[in-house]
C-alpha atoms as a PDB file:
ATOM      1  CA  MET A   1      77.628  99.978  83.618  1.00  0.00           C
ATOM      2  CA  VAL A   2      78.573  97.975  80.517  1.00  0.00           C
ATOM      3  CA  ALA A   3      77.397  94.351  80.549  1.00  0.00           C
ATOM      4  CA  GLY A   4      80.195  92.059  81.679  1.00  0.00           C
ATOM      5  CA  ALA A   5      82.294  94.900  83.100  1.00  0.00           C
ATOM      6  CA  ARG A   6      83.725  94.533  86.583  1.00  0.00           C
ATOM      7  CA  ARG A   7      83.149  97.173  89.176  1.00  0.00           C
ATOM      8  CA  ILE A   8      85.944  97.769  91.679  1.00  0.00           C
ATOM      9  CA  VAL A   9      85.236  99.963  94.669  1.00  0.00           C
ATOM     10  CA  ALA A  10      88.267 100.876  96.770  1.00  0.00           C
ATOM     11  CA  TRP A  11      89.152 104.232  98.293  1.00  0.00           C
ATOM     12  CA  PRO A  12      91.667 105.646  98.831  1.00  0.00           C
ATOM     13  CA  PRO A  13      93.730 103.933  96.125  1.00  0.00           C
ATOM     14  CA  ALA A  14      96.856 102.040  97.138  1.00  0.00           C
ATOM     15  CA  PRO A  15     100.228 103.792  96.717  1.00  0.00           C
ATOM     16  CA  PRO A  16     102.114 103.148  93.467  1.00  0.00           C
ATOM     17  CA  SER A  17     104.391 100.143  93.409  1.00  0.00           C
ATOM     18  CA  THR A  18     108.147 100.408  93.754  1.00  0.00           C
ATOM     19  CA  LEU A  19     108.851  96.693  93.397  1.00  0.00           C
ATOM     20  CA  ALA A  20     111.766  95.446  91.315  1.00  0.00           C
ATOM     21  CA  ALA A  21     111.521  92.932  88.483  1.00  0.00           C
ATOM     22  CA  VAL A  22     111.280  89.221  89.353  1.00  0.00           C
ATOM     23  CA  ASP A  23     114.574  87.632  90.430  1.00  0.00           C
ATOM     24  CA  PRO A  24     114.648  83.847  89.816  1.00  0.00           C
ATOM     25  CA  THR A  25     117.254  83.391  92.584  1.00  0.00           C
ATOM     26  CA  LYS A  26     114.677  84.438  95.195  1.00  0.00           C
ATOM     27  CA  PRO A  27     112.582  81.817  96.943  1.00  0.00           C
ATOM     28  CA  VAL A  28     108.995  81.524  95.715  1.00  0.00           C
ATOM     29  CA  LEU A  29     106.164  82.779  97.926  1.00  0.00           C
ATOM     30  CA  ALA A  30     102.780  81.291  97.008  1.00  0.00           C
ATOM     31  CA  LEU A  31      99.916  83.420  98.317  1.00  0.00           C
ATOM     32  CA  ASP A  32      96.354  82.269  98.720  1.00  0.00           C
ATOM     33  CA  VAL A  33      93.718  85.022  98.618  1.00  0.00           C
ATOM     34  CA  ASP A  34      90.559  83.974 100.476  1.00  0.00           C
ATOM     35  CA  GLY A  35      91.434  83.750 104.155  1.00  0.00           C
ATOM     36  CA  THR A  36      94.906  85.189 103.588  1.00  0.00           C
ATOM     37  CA  ILE A  37      94.413  88.538 101.846  1.00  0.00           C
ATOM     38  CA  SER A  38      90.595  88.646 101.740  1.00  0.00           C
ATOM     39  CA  LEU A  39      89.320  87.860 105.222  1.00  0.00           C
ATOM     40  CA  PHE A  40      86.108  86.106 106.201  1.00  0.00           C
ATOM     41  CA  GLY A  41      84.465  84.399 109.148  1.00  0.00           C
ATOM     42  CA  PHE A  42      85.007  87.172 111.651  1.00  0.00           C
ATOM     43  CA  GLU A  43      82.403  87.726 114.320  1.00  0.00           C
ATOM     44  CA  GLY A  44      81.009  90.906 115.745  1.00  0.00           C
ATOM     45  CA  ASP A  45      79.675  94.134 114.362  1.00  0.00           C
ATOM     46  CA  LEU A  46      80.564  95.111 110.791  1.00  0.00           C
ATOM     47  CA  SER A  47      82.026  98.354 112.110  1.00  0.00           C
ATOM     48  CA  GLU A  48      84.715  96.261 113.838  1.00  0.00           C
ATOM     49  CA  VAL A  49      85.953  94.250 110.843  1.00  0.00           C
ATOM     50  CA  PRO A  50      89.741  94.142 110.419  1.00  0.00           C
ATOM     51  CA  GLY A  51      89.814  95.957 107.077  1.00  0.00           C
ATOM     52  CA  ARG A  52      87.889  97.777 104.384  1.00  0.00           C
ATOM     53  CA  PHE A  53      85.391  96.162 102.069  1.00  0.00           C
ATOM     54  CA  HIS A  54      86.112  96.142  98.344  1.00  0.00           C
ATOM     55  CA  LEU A  55      83.375  95.176  95.907  1.00  0.00           C
ATOM     56  CA  ILE A  56      84.937  92.687  93.478  1.00  0.00           C
ATOM     57  CA  ASP A  57      82.734  91.038  90.867  1.00  0.00           C
ATOM     58  CA  GLY A  58      79.707  91.892  92.994  1.00  0.00           C
ATOM     59  CA  VAL A  59      81.117  90.284  96.149  1.00  0.00           C
ATOM     60  CA  ALA A  60      82.324  92.230  99.174  1.00  0.00           C
ATOM     61  CA  HIS A  61      85.867  91.307 100.207  1.00  0.00           C
ATOM     62  CA  CYS A  62      87.368  92.506 103.489  1.00  0.00           C
ATOM     63  CA  ILE A  63      91.008  93.374 102.834  1.00  0.00           C
ATOM     64  CA  PRO A  64      93.028  94.802 105.735  1.00  0.00           C
ATOM     65  CA  ASP A  65      94.714  98.133 105.095  1.00  0.00           C
ATOM     66  CA  GLU A  66      98.019  96.567 106.200  1.00  0.00           C
ATOM     67  CA  ALA A  67      97.857  93.724 103.654  1.00  0.00           C
ATOM     68  CA  GLY A  68      99.406  95.702 100.796  1.00  0.00           C
ATOM     69  CA  GLY A  69     102.388  96.892 102.806  1.00  0.00           C
ATOM     70  CA  ARG A  70     103.004  93.396 104.140  1.00  0.00           C
ATOM     71  CA  VAL A  71     102.898  91.814 100.696  1.00  0.00           C
ATOM     72  CA  ARG A  72     105.149  94.538  99.245  1.00  0.00           C
ATOM     73  CA  ARG A  73     107.714  93.891 102.008  1.00  0.00           C
ATOM     74  CA  LEU A  74     107.660  90.191 101.175  1.00  0.00           C
ATOM     75  CA  ALA A  75     108.140  90.953  97.468  1.00  0.00           C
ATOM     76  CA  GLU A  76     111.541  92.404  98.307  1.00  0.00           C
ATOM     77  CA  ARG A  77     112.809  88.927  99.259  1.00  0.00           C
ATOM     78  CA  PHE A  78     110.486  86.550  97.381  1.00  0.00           C
ATOM     79  CA  GLU A  79     109.144  85.920  93.919  1.00  0.00           C
ATOM     80  CA  LEU A  80     105.413  86.237  94.540  1.00  0.00           C
ATOM     81  CA  VAL A  81     102.868  83.977  92.844  1.00  0.00           C
ATOM     82  CA  TRP A  82      99.110  83.786  93.357  1.00  0.00           C
ATOM     83  CA  ALA A  83      98.046  80.321  94.612  1.00  0.00           C
ATOM     84  CA  THR A  84      94.301  80.867  94.714  1.00  0.00           C
ATOM     85  CA  GLY A  85      91.114  79.510  93.252  1.00  0.00           C
ATOM     86  CA  TRP A  86      90.710  83.015  91.809  1.00  0.00           C
ATOM     87  CA  GLU A  87      93.473  82.055  89.349  1.00  0.00           C
ATOM     88  CA  GLU A  88      93.942  84.803  86.700  1.00  0.00           C
ATOM     89  CA  ARG A  89      91.196  86.939  88.249  1.00  0.00           C
ATOM     90  CA  ALA A  90      93.553  87.706  91.149  1.00  0.00           C
ATOM     91  CA  ASN A  91      95.420  90.066  88.827  1.00  0.00           C
ATOM     92  CA  ASP A  92      92.226  91.867  87.814  1.00  0.00           C
ATOM     93  CA  VAL A  93      91.999  93.894  91.028  1.00  0.00           C
ATOM     94  CA  LEU A  94      94.412  92.823  93.760  1.00  0.00           C
ATOM     95  CA  PRO A  95      97.539  94.536  92.397  1.00  0.00           C
ATOM     96  CA  THR A  96      95.670  97.857  92.441  1.00  0.00           C
ATOM     97  CA  ILE A  97      94.206  97.330  95.909  1.00  0.00           C
ATOM     98  CA  LEU A  98      97.529  96.126  97.358  1.00  0.00           C
ATOM     99  CA  GLY A  99      99.827  98.496  95.459  1.00  0.00           C
ATOM    100  CA  LEU A 100     101.586  95.616  93.648  1.00  0.00           C
ATOM    101  CA  PRO A 101     102.957  95.373  90.110  1.00  0.00           C
ATOM    102  CA  GLU A 102     100.377  95.136  87.344  1.00  0.00           C
ATOM    103  CA  SER A 103     100.383  91.372  87.575  1.00  0.00           C
ATOM    104  CA  LEU A 104     101.926  88.448  89.388  1.00  0.00           C
ATOM    105  CA  PRO A 105     102.430  84.931  88.098  1.00  0.00           C
ATOM    106  CA  VAL A 106      99.313  82.826  88.679  1.00  0.00           C
ATOM    107  CA  LEU A 107      99.006  79.119  89.376  1.00  0.00           C
ATOM    108  CA  THR A 108      96.213  77.380  87.481  1.00  0.00           C
ATOM    109  CA  PHE A 109      94.489  74.292  88.783  1.00  0.00           C
ATOM    110  CA  GLY A 110      92.535  72.840  85.871  1.00  0.00           C
ATOM    111  CA  GLY A 111      89.216  72.886  87.708  1.00  0.00           C
ATOM    112  CA  ARG A 112      90.578  71.089  90.789  1.00  0.00           C
ATOM    113  CA  ALA A 113      89.688  73.906  93.219  1.00  0.00           C
ATOM    114  CA  GLU A 114      87.944  72.627  96.347  1.00  0.00           C
ATOM    115  CA  PHE A 115      86.870  75.088  99.028  1.00  0.00           C
ATOM    116  CA  GLY A 116      88.070  74.314 102.549  1.00  0.00           C
ATOM    117  CA  SER A 117      91.187  72.376 101.587  1.00  0.00           C
ATOM    118  CA  ALA A 118      94.476  73.111  99.882  1.00  0.00           C
ATOM    119  CA  HIS A 119      95.746  69.732  98.663  1.00  0.00           C
ATOM    120  CA  TRP A 120      94.426  70.435  95.161  1.00  0.00           C
ATOM    121  CA  LYS A 121      97.141  73.122  94.815  1.00  0.00           C
ATOM    122  CA  LEU A 122     100.097  70.762  95.310  1.00  0.00           C
ATOM    123  CA  GLU A 123     100.633  69.717  91.686  1.00  0.00           C
ATOM    124  CA  ALA A 124     100.599  73.320  90.450  1.00  0.00           C
ATOM    125  CA  LEU A 125     102.960  74.385  93.258  1.00  0.00           C
ATOM    126  CA  ASP A 126     105.375  71.597  92.301  1.00  0.00           C
ATOM    127  CA  GLU A 127     105.251  72.531  88.627  1.00  0.00           C
ATOM    128  CA  TYR A 128     105.904  76.204  89.351  1.00  0.00           C
ATOM    129  CA  ALA A 129     108.554  76.022  92.087  1.00  0.00           C
ATOM    130  CA  ARG A 130     110.346  72.902  90.825  1.00  0.00           C
ATOM    131  CA  ASP A 131     113.610  72.731  92.812  1.00  0.00           C
ATOM    132  CA  ARG A 132     113.417  76.263  94.245  1.00  0.00           C
ATOM    133  CA  ALA A 133     112.804  77.122  97.882  1.00  0.00           C
ATOM    134  CA  LEU A 134     109.079  77.695  98.423  1.00  0.00           C
ATOM    135  CA  ALA A 135     107.011  79.309 101.159  1.00  0.00           C
ATOM    136  CA  TRP A 136     103.224  78.989 100.997  1.00  0.00           C
ATOM    137  CA  VAL A 137     100.680  81.054 102.950  1.00  0.00           C
ATOM    138  CA  ASP A 138      97.184  79.551 103.093  1.00  0.00           C
ATOM    139  CA  ASP A 139      94.276  79.238 105.505  1.00  0.00           C
ATOM    140  CA  SER A 140      93.386  75.685 104.411  1.00  0.00           C
ATOM    141  CA  LEU A 141      96.585  73.694 104.819  1.00  0.00           C
ATOM    142  CA  ASP A 142      95.855  70.062 105.664  1.00  0.00           C
ATOM    143  CA  GLU A 143      97.922  67.004 106.548  1.00  0.00           C
ATOM    144  CA  SER A 144      98.573  66.147 102.894  1.00  0.00           C
ATOM    145  CA  CYS A 145     100.165  69.591 102.445  1.00  0.00           C
ATOM    146  CA  HIS A 146     102.507  68.961 105.381  1.00  0.00           C
ATOM    147  CA  VAL A 147     103.468  65.524 104.041  1.00  0.00           C
ATOM    148  CA  TRP A 148     104.117  67.024 100.603  1.00  0.00           C
ATOM    149  CA  ALA A 149     106.265  69.813 102.116  1.00  0.00           C
ATOM    150  CA  SER A 150     108.351  67.335 104.110  1.00  0.00           C
ATOM    151  CA  GLN A 151     109.037  65.310 100.960  1.00  0.00           C
ATOM    152  CA  ARG A 152     110.190  68.221  98.775  1.00  0.00           C
ATOM    153  CA  SER A 153     113.936  68.282  98.118  1.00  0.00           C
ATOM    154  CA  ALA A 154     114.041  72.106  98.254  1.00  0.00           C
ATOM    155  CA  PRO A 155     113.433  74.084 101.459  1.00  0.00           C
ATOM    156  CA  THR A 156     109.700  74.475 102.029  1.00  0.00           C
ATOM    157  CA  LEU A 157     107.834  76.524 104.596  1.00  0.00           C
ATOM    158  CA  LEU A 158     104.083  76.257 105.155  1.00  0.00           C
ATOM    159  CA  VAL A 159     102.518  79.274 106.842  1.00  0.00           C
ATOM    160  CA  PRO A 160      98.997  78.625 108.079  1.00  0.00           C
ATOM    161  CA  CYS A 161      96.805  81.601 108.846  1.00  0.00           C
ATOM    162  CA  LEU A 162      93.335  82.092 110.262  1.00  0.00           C
ATOM    163  CA  PRO A 163      90.721  83.210 107.710  1.00  0.00           C
ATOM    164  CA  ASP A 164      89.437  85.980 109.974  1.00  0.00           C
ATOM    165  CA  ARG A 165      92.952  87.377 110.531  1.00  0.00           C
ATOM    166  CA  GLY A 166      94.869  86.536 107.347  1.00  0.00           C
ATOM    167  CA  LEU A 167      98.497  87.443 106.749  1.00  0.00           C
ATOM    168  CA  GLU A 168      99.719  89.048 109.968  1.00  0.00           C
ATOM    169  CA  GLU A 169     102.911  90.878 110.891  1.00  0.00           C
ATOM    170  CA  ALA A 170     104.272  87.824 112.745  1.00  0.00           C
ATOM    171  CA  HIS A 171     103.887  85.778 109.541  1.00  0.00           C
ATOM    172  CA  VAL A 172     105.752  88.436 107.562  1.00  0.00           C
ATOM    173  CA  GLU A 173     108.645  88.515 110.041  1.00  0.00           C
ATOM    174  CA  ALA A 174     108.906  84.703 110.043  1.00  0.00           C
ATOM    175  CA  LEU A 175     108.841  84.627 106.237  1.00  0.00           C
ATOM    176  CA  LEU A 176     111.533  87.301 105.934  1.00  0.00           C
ATOM    177  CA  ASP A 177     113.760  85.450 108.412  1.00  0.00           C
ATOM    178  CA  TRP A 178     113.237  82.202 106.503  1.00  0.00           C
ATOM    179  CA  ALA A 179     114.024  83.874 103.157  1.00  0.00           C
ATOM    180  CA  ASP A 180     117.265  85.231 104.594  1.00  0.00           C
ATOM    181  CA  GLU A 181     118.159  81.776 105.891  1.00  0.00           C
ATOM    182  CA  VAL A 182     117.524  79.910 102.632  1.00  0.00           C
ATOM    183  CA  THR A 183     119.184  82.510 100.408  1.00  0.00           C
ATOM    184  CA  SER A 184     122.302  82.536 102.617  1.00  0.00           C
ATOM    185  CA  ARG A 185     122.737  78.806 101.869  1.00  0.00           C
ATOM    186  CA  VAL A 186     123.084  79.445  98.125  1.00  0.00           C
END
């Protein structure tokens, strides 16, 4: 392998994307990766993990087979943006694994990333979403995130998830219902 090259191991490959171009009238959906798409902290035998392992930059990431389909369904009603400490690296491999477009917009945090919390994402979320409706899926939402959401002038939905379960079908259904609600107000 060439020095500095990234090795991605994922089989079978995700289906090709059929997503439409970004529509700025859609609400924004900010997606964390670790604990939302890439699961961790589960207990039990490795044969019972809730997904397949993908080797990304030398680290094994457990990504459920259902994650791609769920995110693609959400992309029909939302403008997706990565809200992860991975920053630009999220587009290196996740679109292929999840069957998404070649890239998604990415929030950058200027070195503010802090594992185990999410408050360091607030400024970047504000800058990106501005006055648009925003839903945010993350496994590390804290009280400051809830205060921030309640003070936004635009509709805001925080969707907490468990890091060993990630984005589940119930989250997707709630997000789709919310998107329909906020877009019907326009």
